[in-house]
Amino acid sequence: METKLAIGPFGSQSGTENEENLPSHLVATMWLCMLTSLDTDSLEALGDCNMAVAFDLGIAVQVSDEENVPLAELMAEVFEFYNEKMELTLPSAELGVAMAGSYHRAQAVQNRIH
């Protein structure tokens, strides 16, 4: 099953200005956070969309920083978007909290290193 999503949860078209403004290290961090926060079944359910999800989670980080919205809430919206578009039943609220926690831990480690 090939899934191609043209518009992400925040209304961005893939390949537009958000892609140019989203640092690659943020996408990589979100992907690593997904690997540590999501169970195997959730990762497999997302299939080929794992990197698209990581990208959209990176946008959620930026939106959270810019608009002072809780990160876990925005990340839950990302998972809910993929649930709807791919007809999945991932626990979006739970995954949003887990991902936000994982991201904050990654940031704390990065800040200690630098």
Protein backbone atom coordinates (compact mmCIF):
# COMPACT_ATOMS: atom_id res chain seq x y z
CA MET A 1 0.00 0.00 0.00
CA GLU A 2 1.59 3.24 -1.12
CA THR A 3 0.50 6.31 0.78
CA LYS A 4 1.34 9.78 -0.47
CA LEU A 5 0.07 12.69 1.60
CA ALA A 6 0.10 16.01 -0.20
CA ILE A 7 -0.82 18.20 2.75
CA GLY A 8 0.41 17.76 6.32
CA PRO A 9 -1.52 18.39 9.52
CA PHE A 10 -0.56 22.05 9.61
CA GLY A 11 -1.71 22.71 6.06
CA SER A 12 1.77 22.70 4.55
CA GLN A 13 2.38 21.38 1.07
CA SER A 14 5.35 19.06 0.91
CA GLY A 15 8.23 20.72 -0.88
CA THR A 16 7.28 24.29 0.00
CA GLU A 17 8.69 26.96 2.28
CA ASN A 18 8.38 24.88 5.47
CA GLU A 19 10.78 22.32 4.02
CA GLU A 20 13.30 25.05 3.31
CA ASN A 21 12.94 26.50 6.83
CA LEU A 22 12.94 23.23 8.78
CA PRO A 23 16.49 22.33 9.84
CA SER A 24 17.50 18.82 8.83
CA HIS A 25 18.85 18.15 12.32
CA LEU A 26 15.35 18.75 13.70
CA VAL A 27 13.85 16.17 11.33
CA ALA A 28 16.62 13.74 12.29
CA THR A 29 16.00 14.37 15.99
CA MET A 30 12.27 13.78 15.54
CA TRP A 31 12.94 10.55 13.65
CA LEU A 32 15.25 9.31 16.43
CA CYS A 33 12.64 10.31 19.02
CA MET A 34 10.07 8.30 17.08
CA LEU A 35 12.35 5.26 17.15
CA THR A 36 12.71 5.52 20.92
CA SER A 37 9.10 6.52 21.75
CA LEU A 38 6.92 4.46 19.43
CA ASP A 39 6.47 0.73 19.68
CA THR A 40 7.25 -1.51 16.74
CA ASP A 41 3.58 -1.89 15.79
CA SER A 42 3.11 1.89 15.57
CA LEU A 43 6.24 2.34 13.48
CA GLU A 44 5.19 -0.46 11.16
CA ALA A 45 1.67 0.96 10.87
CA LEU A 46 3.11 4.27 9.67
CA GLY A 47 5.18 2.36 7.12
CA ASP A 48 6.77 4.50 4.44
CA CYS A 49 5.40 7.66 6.06
CA ASN A 50 7.85 7.58 9.00
CA MET A 51 10.00 10.39 7.60
CA ALA A 52 6.94 12.45 6.67
CA VAL A 53 5.70 12.06 10.24
CA ALA A 54 9.15 13.11 11.55
CA PHE A 55 9.02 16.17 9.28
CA ASP A 56 5.53 17.11 10.49
CA LEU A 57 6.60 16.60 14.11
CA GLY A 58 9.48 18.99 13.43
CA ILE A 59 6.97 21.55 12.18
CA ALA A 60 5.01 20.96 15.40
CA VAL A 61 8.14 21.85 17.39
CA GLN A 62 8.51 25.10 15.44
CA VAL A 63 4.81 25.98 15.82
CA SER A 64 4.98 25.22 19.54
CA ASP A 65 7.99 27.52 19.94
CA GLU A 66 6.49 30.32 17.87
CA GLU A 67 2.91 30.24 19.16
CA ASN A 68 3.46 29.03 22.74
CA VAL A 69 1.20 25.99 22.28
CA PRO A 70 1.90 22.81 24.29
CA LEU A 71 4.14 20.54 22.25
CA ALA A 72 2.40 17.32 23.28
CA GLU A 73 -0.90 18.72 22.04
CA LEU A 74 0.52 19.58 18.62
CA MET A 75 2.28 16.24 18.32
CA ALA A 76 -0.99 14.48 19.15
CA GLU A 77 -2.57 16.45 16.28
CA VAL A 78 0.12 15.12 13.94
CA PHE A 79 -0.62 11.52 14.92
CA GLU A 80 -4.36 12.14 14.70
CA PHE A 81 -3.86 13.52 11.18
CA TYR A 82 -2.06 10.33 10.12
CA ASN A 83 -4.70 8.21 11.88
CA GLU A 84 -7.36 9.88 9.77
CA LYS A 85 -5.52 9.89 6.46
CA MET A 86 -4.18 6.35 6.73
CA GLU A 87 -7.14 4.87 8.62
CA LEU A 88 -4.99 3.93 11.61
CA THR A 89 -5.87 3.69 15.29
CA LEU A 90 -2.67 4.93 16.90
CA PRO A 91 -3.15 6.35 20.42
CA SER A 92 -2.47 9.93 19.32
CA ALA A 93 -2.68 11.63 22.74
CA GLU A 94 -0.41 9.03 24.33
CA LEU A 95 2.08 9.22 21.45
CA GLY A 96 2.04 13.03 21.56
CA VAL A 97 3.00 13.01 25.25
CA ALA A 98 5.69 10.35 24.69
CA MET A 99 7.17 12.19 21.71
CA ALA A 100 7.17 15.56 23.47
CA GLY A 101 8.94 14.00 26.46
CA SER A 102 11.47 12.31 24.21
CA TYR A 103 12.12 15.57 22.36
CA HIS A 104 12.63 17.51 25.60
CA ARG A 105 15.07 14.86 26.86
CA ALA A 106 16.97 15.01 23.56
CA GLN A 107 17.17 18.80 23.86
CA ALA A 108 18.46 18.54 27.45
CA VAL A 109 21.19 16.11 26.34
CA GLN A 110 22.10 18.33 23.40
CA ASN A 111 22.32 21.40 25.66
CA ARG A 112 24.65 19.55 28.06
CA ILE A 113 26.90 18.53 25.17
CA HIS A 114 27.15 22.06 23.79
